[in-house]
PDB file of N, CA and C in Angstrom:
ATOM      1  N   UNK A   1       0.871  -1.099   0.047  1.00  0.00           N
ATOM      2  CA  UNK A   1       0.058  -0.004  -0.029  1.00  0.00           C
ATOM      3  C   UNK A   1       0.964   1.223  -0.080  1.00  0.00           C
ATOM      4  N   UNK A   2       0.597   2.168  -0.908  1.00  0.00           N
ATOM      5  CA  UNK A   2       1.353   3.469  -0.947  1.00  0.00           C
ATOM      6  C   UNK A   2       0.698   4.429   0.120  1.00  0.00           C
ATOM      7  N   UNK A   3       1.678   5.094   0.853  1.00  0.00           N
ATOM      8  CA  UNK A   3       1.347   6.175   1.709  1.00  0.00           C
ATOM      9  C   UNK A   3       2.224   7.168   1.697  1.00  0.00           C
ATOM     10  N   UNK A   4       1.814   8.302   2.309  1.00  0.00           N
ATOM     11  CA  UNK A   4       2.718   9.574   2.414  1.00  0.00           C
ATOM     12  C   UNK A   4       3.067   9.802   3.860  1.00  0.00           C
ATOM     13  N   UNK A   5       4.323  10.314   4.005  1.00  0.00           N
ATOM     14  CA  UNK A   5       4.660  10.775   5.392  1.00  0.00           C
ATOM     15  C   UNK A   5       5.370  12.089   5.140  1.00  0.00           C
ATOM     16  N   UNK A   6       5.806  12.994   6.185  1.00  0.00           N
ATOM     17  CA  UNK A   6       6.343  14.174   5.952  1.00  0.00           C
ATOM     18  C   UNK A   6       7.837  13.909   6.590  1.00  0.00           C
ATOM     19  N   UNK A   7       8.753  14.416   5.626  1.00  0.00           N
ATOM     20  CA  UNK A   7      10.259  14.432   6.076  1.00  0.00           C
ATOM     21  C   UNK A   7      10.628  15.870   6.111  1.00  0.00           C
ATOM     22  N   UNK A   8      11.623  16.198   6.956  1.00  0.00           N
ATOM     23  CA  UNK A   8      12.223  17.490   7.040  1.00  0.00           C
ATOM     24  C   UNK A   8      13.524  17.326   7.663  1.00  0.00           C
ATOM     25  N   UNK A   9      14.216  18.452   8.001  1.00  0.00           N
ATOM     26  CA  UNK A   9      15.498  18.483   8.627  1.00  0.00           C
ATOM     27  C   UNK A   9      15.284  19.275   9.823  1.00  0.00           C
ATOM     28  N   UNK A  10      15.743  18.827  10.913  1.00  0.00           N
ATOM     29  CA  UNK A  10      15.694  19.474  12.241  1.00  0.00           C
ATOM     30  C   UNK A  10      16.751  20.576  12.420  1.00  0.00           C
ATOM     31  N   UNK A  11      16.209  21.668  12.875  1.00  0.00           N
ATOM     32  CA  UNK A  11      17.128  22.927  13.022  1.00  0.00           C
ATOM     33  C   UNK A  11      18.207  22.860  13.802  1.00  0.00           C
ATOM     34  N   UNK A  12      18.057  22.081  14.980  1.00  0.00           N
ATOM     35  CA  UNK A  12      19.113  22.011  16.049  1.00  0.00           C
ATOM     36  C   UNK A  12      20.478  21.246  15.614  1.00  0.00           C
ATOM     37  N   UNK A  13      20.056  20.020  14.666  1.00  0.00           N
ATOM     38  CA  UNK A  13      21.208  19.313  14.437  1.00  0.00           C
ATOM     39  C   UNK A  13      21.308  18.894  12.954  1.00  0.00           C
ATOM     40  N   UNK A  14      20.314  19.301  12.248  1.00  0.00           N
ATOM     41  CA  UNK A  14      20.341  19.012  10.773  1.00  0.00           C
ATOM     42  C   UNK A  14      19.863  17.552  10.431  1.00  0.00           C
ATOM     43  N   UNK A  15      19.575  16.903  11.442  1.00  0.00           N
ATOM     44  CA  UNK A  15      18.989  15.357  11.201  1.00  0.00           C
ATOM     45  C   UNK A  15      17.878  15.296  10.291  1.00  0.00           C
ATOM     46  N   UNK A  16      17.623  14.304   9.519  1.00  0.00           N
ATOM     47  CA  UNK A  16      16.548  14.009   8.836  1.00  0.00           C
ATOM     48  C   UNK A  16      15.434  13.415   9.910  1.00  0.00           C
ATOM     49  N   UNK A  17      14.362  14.049   9.930  1.00  0.00           N
ATOM     50  CA  UNK A  17      13.250  13.574  10.857  1.00  0.00           C
ATOM     51  C   UNK A  17      11.867  13.465  10.053  1.00  0.00           C
ATOM     52  N   UNK A  18      10.982  12.810  10.764  1.00  0.00           N
ATOM     53  CA  UNK A  18       9.824  12.383  10.143  1.00  0.00           C
ATOM     54  C   UNK A  18       8.699  12.895  11.363  1.00  0.00           C
ATOM     55  N   UNK A  19       7.571  13.525  10.830  1.00  0.00           N
ATOM     56  CA  UNK A  19       6.478  13.943  11.648  1.00  0.00           C
ATOM     57  C   UNK A  19       5.738  12.702  12.288  1.00  0.00           C
ATOM     58  N   UNK A  20       5.648  12.771  13.576  1.00  0.00           N
ATOM     59  CA  UNK A  20       4.969  11.493  14.248  1.00  0.00           C
ATOM     60  C   UNK A  20       3.465  11.719  14.540  1.00  0.00           C
ATOM     61  N   UNK A  21       2.973  10.473  14.964  1.00  0.00           N
ATOM     62  CA  UNK A  21       1.554  10.775  15.299  1.00  0.00           C
ATOM     63  C   UNK A  21       1.027  11.563  16.290  1.00  0.00           C
ATOM     64  N   UNK A  22       1.895  11.839  17.250  1.00  0.00           N
ATOM     65  CA  UNK A  22       1.600  12.898  18.258  1.00  0.00           C
ATOM     66  C   UNK A  22       2.115  14.220  18.048  1.00  0.00           C
ATOM     67  N   UNK A  23       2.672  14.522  16.765  1.00  0.00           N
ATOM     68  CA  UNK A  23       3.051  15.846  16.464  1.00  0.00           C
ATOM     69  C   UNK A  23       4.498  16.239  16.809  1.00  0.00           C
ATOM     70  N   UNK A  24       5.145  15.193  17.190  1.00  0.00           N
ATOM     71  CA  UNK A  24       6.663  15.366  17.353  1.00  0.00           C
ATOM     72  C   UNK A  24       7.484  14.983  16.256  1.00  0.00           C
ATOM     73  N   UNK A  25       8.724  15.171  16.236  1.00  0.00           N
ATOM     74  CA  UNK A  25       9.710  14.726  15.177  1.00  0.00           C
ATOM     75  C   UNK A  25      10.576  13.574  15.428  1.00  0.00           C
ATOM     76  N   UNK A  26      10.703  12.533  14.873  1.00  0.00           N
ATOM     77  CA  UNK A  26      11.571  11.461  15.214  1.00  0.00           C
ATOM     78  C   UNK A  26      12.471  11.158  13.979  1.00  0.00           C
ATOM     79  N   UNK A  27      13.606  10.584  14.269  1.00  0.00           N
ATOM     80  CA  UNK A  27      14.579  10.281  13.274  1.00  0.00           C
ATOM     81  C   UNK A  27      14.273   8.869  12.689  1.00  0.00           C
ATOM     82  N   UNK A  28      13.353   8.067  13.336  1.00  0.00           N
ATOM     83  CA  UNK A  28      12.898   6.874  12.758  1.00  0.00           C
ATOM     84  C   UNK A  28      11.679   6.901  11.939  1.00  0.00           C
ATOM     85  N   UNK A  29      11.619   6.543  10.749  1.00  0.00           N
ATOM     86  CA  UNK A  29      10.775   6.537   9.698  1.00  0.00           C
ATOM     87  C   UNK A  29       9.453   5.635  10.269  1.00  0.00           C
ATOM     88  N   UNK A  30       9.719   4.655  10.992  1.00  0.00           N
ATOM     89  CA  UNK A  30       8.596   3.882  11.484  1.00  0.00           C
ATOM     90  C   UNK A  30       7.675   4.738  12.517  1.00  0.00           C
ATOM     91  N   UNK A  31       8.164   5.715  13.184  1.00  0.00           N
ATOM     92  CA  UNK A  31       7.369   6.518  14.010  1.00  0.00           C
ATOM     93  C   UNK A  31       6.517   7.485  13.072  1.00  0.00           C
ATOM     94  N   UNK A  32       6.735   7.645  11.889  1.00  0.00           N
ATOM     95  CA  UNK A  32       6.074   8.658  11.109  1.00  0.00           C
ATOM     96  C   UNK A  32       4.683   8.380  11.012  1.00  0.00           C
ATOM     97  N   UNK A  33       3.916   9.471  10.941  1.00  0.00           N
ATOM     98  CA  UNK A  33       2.420   9.498  10.807  1.00  0.00           C
ATOM     99  C   UNK A  33       2.268   9.410   9.397  1.00  0.00           C
ATOM    100  N   UNK A  34       1.147   8.658   8.963  1.00  0.00           N
ATOM    101  CA  UNK A  34       1.027   8.233   7.552  1.00  0.00           C
ATOM    102  C   UNK A  34      -0.281   8.972   7.116  1.00  0.00           C
ATOM    103  N   UNK A  35      -0.310   9.073   5.757  1.00  0.00           N
ATOM    104  CA  UNK A  35      -1.620   9.627   5.025  1.00  0.00           C
ATOM    105  C   UNK A  35      -1.908   8.663   3.901  1.00  0.00           C
ATOM    106  N   UNK A  36      -3.145   8.362   3.916  1.00  0.00           N
ATOM    107  CA  UNK A  36      -3.394   7.434   2.705  1.00  0.00           C
ATOM    108  C   UNK A  36      -4.221   8.151   1.463  1.00  0.00           C
ATOM    109  N   UNK A  37      -4.718   9.348   1.756  1.00  0.00           N
ATOM    110  CA  UNK A  37      -5.487  10.091   0.703  1.00  0.00           C
ATOM    111  C   UNK A  37      -4.689  11.434   0.478  1.00  0.00           C
ATOM    112  N   UNK A  38      -5.214  12.095  -0.510  1.00  0.00           N
ATOM    113  CA  UNK A  38      -4.673  13.375  -0.861  1.00  0.00           C
ATOM    114  C   UNK A  38      -5.080  14.249   0.184  1.00  0.00           C
ATOM    115  N   UNK A  39      -6.257  14.396   0.693  1.00  0.00           N
ATOM    116  CA  UNK A  39      -6.670  15.283   1.705  1.00  0.00           C
ATOM    117  C   UNK A  39      -5.935  14.988   3.021  1.00  0.00           C
ATOM    118  N   UNK A  40      -5.555  13.839   3.355  1.00  0.00           N
ATOM    119  CA  UNK A  40      -4.744  13.429   4.657  1.00  0.00           C
ATOM    120  C   UNK A  40      -3.405  14.029   4.437  1.00  0.00           C
ATOM    121  N   UNK A  41      -2.910  13.805   3.195  1.00  0.00           N
ATOM    122  CA  UNK A  41      -1.492  14.263   3.016  1.00  0.00           C
ATOM    123  C   UNK A  41      -1.307  15.770   3.013  1.00  0.00           C
ATOM    124  N   UNK A  42      -2.445  16.431   2.535  1.00  0.00           N
ATOM    125  CA  UNK A  42      -2.430  17.989   2.662  1.00  0.00           C
ATOM    126  C   UNK A  42      -2.446  18.391   4.208  1.00  0.00           C
ATOM    127  N   UNK A  43      -3.293  17.671   4.906  1.00  0.00           N
ATOM    128  CA  UNK A  43      -3.498  18.049   6.333  1.00  0.00           C
ATOM    129  C   UNK A  43      -2.050  17.668   7.032  1.00  0.00           C
ATOM    130  N   UNK A  44      -1.393  16.706   6.727  1.00  0.00           N
ATOM    131  CA  UNK A  44      -0.097  16.311   7.258  1.00  0.00           C
ATOM    132  C   UNK A  44       0.929  17.387   6.942  1.00  0.00           C
ATOM    133  N   UNK A  45       1.013  17.755   5.770  1.00  0.00           N
ATOM    134  CA  UNK A  45       1.978  18.846   5.372  1.00  0.00           C
ATOM    135  C   UNK A  45       1.577  20.170   5.941  1.00  0.00           C
ATOM    136  N   UNK A  46       0.447  20.492   6.110  1.00  0.00           N
ATOM    137  CA  UNK A  46      -0.055  21.628   6.880  1.00  0.00           C
ATOM    138  C   UNK A  46       0.499  21.674   8.285  1.00  0.00           C
ATOM    139  N   UNK A  47       0.361  20.427   8.815  1.00  0.00           N
ATOM    140  CA  UNK A  47       0.716  20.341  10.327  1.00  0.00           C
ATOM    141  C   UNK A  47       2.221  20.547  10.361  1.00  0.00           C
ATOM    142  N   UNK A  48       3.093  20.008   9.461  1.00  0.00           N
ATOM    143  CA  UNK A  48       4.417  20.150   9.400  1.00  0.00           C
ATOM    144  C   UNK A  48       4.824  21.558   9.210  1.00  0.00           C
ATOM    145  N   UNK A  49       4.055  22.336   8.403  1.00  0.00           N
ATOM    146  CA  UNK A  49       4.394  23.772   8.164  1.00  0.00           C
ATOM    147  C   UNK A  49       4.374  24.591   9.433  1.00  0.00           C
ATOM    148  N   UNK A  50       3.599  24.183  10.418  1.00  0.00           N
ATOM    149  CA  UNK A  50       3.394  24.950  11.711  1.00  0.00           C
ATOM    150  C   UNK A  50       4.818  24.737  12.448  1.00  0.00           C
ATOM    151  N   UNK A  51       5.489  23.693  12.291  1.00  0.00           N
ATOM    152  CA  UNK A  51       6.901  23.452  13.074  1.00  0.00           C
ATOM    153  C   UNK A  51       7.821  24.154  12.287  1.00  0.00           C
ATOM    154  N   UNK A  52       7.614  24.716  11.109  1.00  0.00           N
ATOM    155  CA  UNK A  52       8.480  25.484  10.364  1.00  0.00           C
ATOM    156  C   UNK A  52       8.519  26.982  11.048  1.00  0.00           C
ATOM    157  N   UNK A  53       7.233  27.354  11.094  1.00  0.00           N
ATOM    158  CA  UNK A  53       6.958  28.686  11.893  1.00  0.00           C
ATOM    159  C   UNK A  53       7.414  28.678  13.275  1.00  0.00           C
ATOM    160  N   UNK A  54       7.391  27.588  13.920  1.00  0.00           N
ATOM    161  CA  UNK A  54       7.830  27.438  15.322  1.00  0.00           C
ATOM    162  C   UNK A  54       9.489  27.374  15.416  1.00  0.00           C
ATOM    163  N   UNK A  55      10.052  27.101  14.261  1.00  0.00           N
ATOM    164  CA  UNK A  55      11.491  27.058  14.110  1.00  0.00           C
ATOM    165  C   UNK A  55      12.157  25.695  14.670  1.00  0.00           C
ATOM    166  N   UNK A  56      11.299  24.823  14.446  1.00  0.00           N
ATOM    167  CA  UNK A  56      11.672  23.252  14.750  1.00  0.00           C
ATOM    168  C   UNK A  56      12.340  22.533  13.713  1.00  0.00           C
ATOM    169  N   UNK A  57      11.772  22.719  12.506  1.00  0.00           N
ATOM    170  CA  UNK A  57      12.320  21.982  11.273  1.00  0.00           C
ATOM    171  C   UNK A  57      12.446  23.055  10.161  1.00  0.00           C
ATOM    172  N   UNK A  58      13.088  22.589   9.003  1.00  0.00           N
ATOM    173  CA  UNK A  58      12.961  23.357   7.801  1.00  0.00           C
ATOM    174  C   UNK A  58      12.615  22.491   6.618  1.00  0.00           C
ATOM    175  N   UNK A  59      12.073  22.873   5.576  1.00  0.00           N
ATOM    176  CA  UNK A  59      11.936  22.076   4.374  1.00  0.00           C
ATOM    177  C   UNK A  59      11.083  20.943   4.395  1.00  0.00           C
ATOM    178  N   UNK A  60       9.863  21.061   5.169  1.00  0.00           N
ATOM    179  CA  UNK A  60       9.052  19.663   5.042  1.00  0.00           C
ATOM    180  C   UNK A  60       8.487  19.409   3.620  1.00  0.00           C
ATOM    181  N   UNK A  61       8.439  18.110   3.326  1.00  0.00           N
ATOM    182  CA  UNK A  61       7.846  17.624   2.176  1.00  0.00           C
ATOM    183  C   UNK A  61       7.408  16.304   2.263  1.00  0.00           C
ATOM    184  N   UNK A  62       6.346  15.919   1.391  1.00  0.00           N
ATOM    185  CA  UNK A  62       5.782  14.551   1.396  1.00  0.00           C
ATOM    186  C   UNK A  62       6.736  13.634   0.858  1.00  0.00           C
ATOM    187  N   UNK A  63       6.791  12.389   1.443  1.00  0.00           N
ATOM    188  CA  UNK A  63       7.583  11.310   0.972  1.00  0.00           C
ATOM    189  C   UNK A  63       6.725  10.092   0.801  1.00  0.00           C
ATOM    190  N   UNK A  64       6.564   9.500  -0.518  1.00  0.00           N
ATOM    191  CA  UNK A  64       5.832   8.368  -0.707  1.00  0.00           C
ATOM    192  C   UNK A  64       6.602   7.165  -0.278  1.00  0.00           C
ATOM    193  N   UNK A  65       5.878   6.351   0.678  1.00  0.00           N
ATOM    194  CA  UNK A  65       6.437   5.109   1.088  1.00  0.00           C
ATOM    195  C   UNK A  65       5.544   3.912   0.790  1.00  0.00           C
ATOM    196  N   UNK A  66       6.037   2.809   0.866  1.00  0.00           N
ATOM    197  CA  UNK A  66       5.231   1.465   0.698  1.00  0.00           C
ATOM    198  C   UNK A  66       5.229   0.913   2.032  1.00  0.00           C
ATOM    199  N   UNK A  67       3.991   0.499   2.464  1.00  0.00           N
ATOM    200  CA  UNK A  67       3.787  -0.067   3.733  1.00  0.00           C
ATOM    201  C   UNK A  67       3.509  -1.651   3.518  1.00  0.00           C
ATOM    202  N   UNK A  68       4.734  -2.341   3.794  1.00  0.00           N
ATOM    203  CA  UNK A  68       4.623  -3.823   3.645  1.00  0.00           C
ATOM    204  C   UNK A  68       4.396  -4.496   5.038  1.00  0.00           C
ATOM    205  N   UNK A  69       3.243  -4.376   5.560  1.00  0.00           N
ATOM    206  CA  UNK A  69       2.904  -4.912   6.726  1.00  0.00           C
ATOM    207  C   UNK A  69       3.608  -4.384   8.061  1.00  0.00           C
ATOM    208  N   UNK A  70       3.684  -2.968   8.003  1.00  0.00           N
ATOM    209  CA  UNK A  70       4.329  -2.258   9.134  1.00  0.00           C
ATOM    210  C   UNK A  70       5.778  -1.957   8.908  1.00  0.00           C
ATOM    211  N   UNK A  71       6.374  -2.386   7.761  1.00  0.00           N
ATOM    212  CA  UNK A  71       7.729  -2.085   7.398  1.00  0.00           C
ATOM    213  C   UNK A  71       7.568  -0.992   6.338  1.00  0.00           C
ATOM    214  N   UNK A  72       8.064   0.221   6.614  1.00  0.00           N
ATOM    215  CA  UNK A  72       7.950   1.356   5.678  1.00  0.00           C
ATOM    216  C   UNK A  72       9.270   1.282   4.936  1.00  0.00           C
ATOM    217  N   UNK A  73       9.116   1.709   3.550  1.00  0.00           N
ATOM    218  CA  UNK A  73      10.151   1.659   2.713  1.00  0.00           C
ATOM    219  C   UNK A  73       9.944   2.839   1.739  1.00  0.00           C
ATOM    220  N   UNK A  74      10.833   3.791   1.758  1.00  0.00           N
ATOM    221  CA  UNK A  74      10.685   5.072   0.628  1.00  0.00           C
ATOM    222  C   UNK A  74      10.632   4.474  -0.743  1.00  0.00           C
ATOM    223  N   UNK A  75       9.733   4.894  -1.568  1.00  0.00           N
ATOM    224  CA  UNK A  75       9.657   4.448  -2.968  1.00  0.00           C
ATOM    225  C   UNK A  75      10.684   5.183  -3.796  1.00  0.00           C
ATOM    226  N   UNK A  76      11.231   6.272  -3.322  1.00  0.00           N
ATOM    227  CA  UNK A  76      12.290   6.893  -4.303  1.00  0.00           C
ATOM    228  C   UNK A  76      13.667   6.759  -3.732  1.00  0.00           C
ATOM    229  N   UNK A  77      14.651   6.607  -4.575  1.00  0.00           N
ATOM    230  CA  UNK A  77      15.983   6.317  -4.314  1.00  0.00           C
ATOM    231  C   UNK A  77      16.539   7.524  -3.369  1.00  0.00           C
ATOM    232  N   UNK A  78      16.323   8.802  -3.580  1.00  0.00           N
ATOM    233  CA  UNK A  78      16.742   9.905  -2.722  1.00  0.00           C
ATOM    234  C   UNK A  78      16.402   9.614  -1.292  1.00  0.00           C
ATOM    235  N   UNK A  79      15.132   9.318  -1.068  1.00  0.00           N
ATOM    236  CA  UNK A  79      14.793   9.070   0.264  1.00  0.00           C
ATOM    237  C   UNK A  79      15.492   7.936   0.962  1.00  0.00           C
ATOM    238  N   UNK A  80      15.739   6.970   0.100  1.00  0.00           N
ATOM    239  CA  UNK A  80      16.466   5.736   0.700  1.00  0.00           C
ATOM    240  C   UNK A  80      17.830   6.095   1.235  1.00  0.00           C
ATOM    241  N   UNK A  81      18.376   6.988   0.431  1.00  0.00           N
ATOM    242  CA  UNK A  81      19.730   7.690   0.864  1.00  0.00           C
ATOM    243  C   UNK A  81      19.614   8.473   2.045  1.00  0.00           C
ATOM    244  N   UNK A  82      18.522   9.372   2.211  1.00  0.00           N
ATOM    245  CA  UNK A  82      18.265  10.156   3.270  1.00  0.00           C
ATOM    246  C   UNK A  82      18.092   9.151   4.555  1.00  0.00           C
ATOM    247  N   UNK A  83      17.383   8.078   4.321  1.00  0.00           N
ATOM    248  CA  UNK A  83      17.049   7.273   5.360  1.00  0.00           C
ATOM    249  C   UNK A  83      18.314   6.405   5.928  1.00  0.00           C
ATOM    250  N   UNK A  84      18.919   5.785   4.990  1.00  0.00           N
ATOM    251  CA  UNK A  84      20.003   4.841   5.288  1.00  0.00           C
ATOM    252  C   UNK A  84      21.409   5.315   5.055  1.00  0.00           C
ATOM    253  N   UNK A  85      21.566   6.484   4.405  1.00  0.00           N
ATOM    254  CA  UNK A  85      22.732   6.914   4.094  1.00  0.00           C
ATOM    255  C   UNK A  85      23.358   6.495   2.752  1.00  0.00           C
ATOM    256  N   UNK A  86      24.457   7.086   2.237  1.00  0.00           N
ATOM    257  CA  UNK A  86      24.968   6.745   0.953  1.00  0.00           C
ATOM    258  C   UNK A  86      25.667   5.437   1.126  1.00  0.00           C
ATOM    259  N   UNK A  87      25.743   4.674  -0.078  1.00  0.00           N
ATOM    260  CA  UNK A  87      26.426   3.548  -0.223  1.00  0.00           C
ATOM    261  C   UNK A  87      27.826   3.743  -0.973  1.00  0.00           C
ATOM    262  N   UNK A  88      28.938   3.692  -0.193  1.00  0.00           N
ATOM    263  CA  UNK A  88      30.162   4.015  -0.610  1.00  0.00           C
ATOM    264  C   UNK A  88      31.164   2.929  -0.398  1.00  0.00           C
ATOM    265  N   UNK A  89      32.123   2.680  -1.159  1.00  0.00           N
ATOM    266  CA  UNK A  89      33.285   1.783  -0.871  1.00  0.00           C
ATOM    267  C   UNK A  89      34.299   2.525  -0.174  1.00  0.00           C
ATOM    268  N   UNK A  90      34.500   2.177   1.149  1.00  0.00           N
ATOM    269  CA  UNK A  90      35.418   2.971   1.929  1.00  0.00           C
ATOM    270  C   UNK A  90      36.868   2.781   1.564  1.00  0.00           C
ATOM    271  N   UNK A  91      36.967   1.749   0.706  1.00  0.00           N
ATOM    272  CA  UNK A  91      38.562   1.633   0.270  1.00  0.00           C
ATOM    273  C   UNK A  91      38.954   2.558  -0.824  1.00  0.00           C
ATOM    274  N   UNK A  92      37.991   3.240  -1.463  1.00  0.00           N
ATOM    275  CA  UNK A  92      38.140   4.242  -2.539  1.00  0.00           C
ATOM    276  C   UNK A  92      38.668   5.544  -1.943  1.00  0.00           C
ATOM    277  N   UNK A  93      39.609   5.992  -2.607  1.00  0.00           N
ATOM    278  CA  UNK A  93      40.056   7.283  -2.326  1.00  0.00           C
ATOM    279  C   UNK A  93      39.244   8.349  -3.173  1.00  0.00           C
ATOM    280  N   UNK A  94      38.435   9.000  -2.302  1.00  0.00           N
ATOM    281  CA  UNK A  94      37.401   9.881  -2.988  1.00  0.00           C
ATOM    282  C   UNK A  94      38.066  10.973  -3.713  1.00  0.00           C
ATOM    283  N   UNK A  95      39.242  11.428  -3.467  1.00  0.00           N
ATOM    284  CA  UNK A  95      39.732  12.536  -4.233  1.00  0.00           C
ATOM    285  C   UNK A  95      40.357  12.172  -5.619  1.00  0.00           C
ATOM    286  N   UNK A  96      40.628  10.880  -5.662  1.00  0.00           N
ATOM    287  CA  UNK A  96      41.215  10.387  -6.991  1.00  0.00           C
ATOM    288  C   UNK A  96      40.247   9.482  -7.671  1.00  0.00           C
ATOM    289  N   UNK A  97      39.430   8.885  -6.839  1.00  0.00           N
ATOM    290  CA  UNK A  97      38.408   7.861  -7.535  1.00  0.00           C
ATOM    291  C   UNK A  97      39.039   6.513  -7.517  1.00  0.00           C
ATOM    292  N   UNK A  98      40.385   6.373  -7.019  1.00  0.00           N
ATOM    293  CA  UNK A  98      41.054   5.093  -7.205  1.00  0.00           C
ATOM    294  C   UNK A  98      41.042   4.286  -6.018  1.00  0.00           C
ATOM    295  N   UNK A  99      41.084   3.018  -6.084  1.00  0.00           N
ATOM    296  CA  UNK A  99      40.881   2.150  -4.885  1.00  0.00           C
ATOM    297  C   UNK A  99      42.198   2.139  -4.253  1.00  0.00           C
ATOM    298  N   UNK A 100      42.317   2.263  -2.948  1.00  0.00           N
ATOM    299  CA  UNK A 100      43.536   2.531  -2.078  1.00  0.00           C
ATOM    300  C   UNK A 100      44.040   1.017  -1.924  1.00  0.00           C
TER     301      UNK A 100
END
């Protein structure tokens, strides 16, 4: 099932955070409040915008996720990177691109 959640960056430390069911912000995607309809998604984003005004987060936006029986998985590659971090080969010298 496709759902939406809200992702943003927390102002105090820059961490990627998700709007929770109780209106807080969590670094865990499983804590995210979900929306199944366009109307619910609009309400979710409006709730997040209030946190911008309060100076808690910046740049909230909707993220489409798949709910596979309680396991949330972002549908877009960018969001997977934000959630899990980039996949890099630590043996590669990033300044030259060569393997050390």
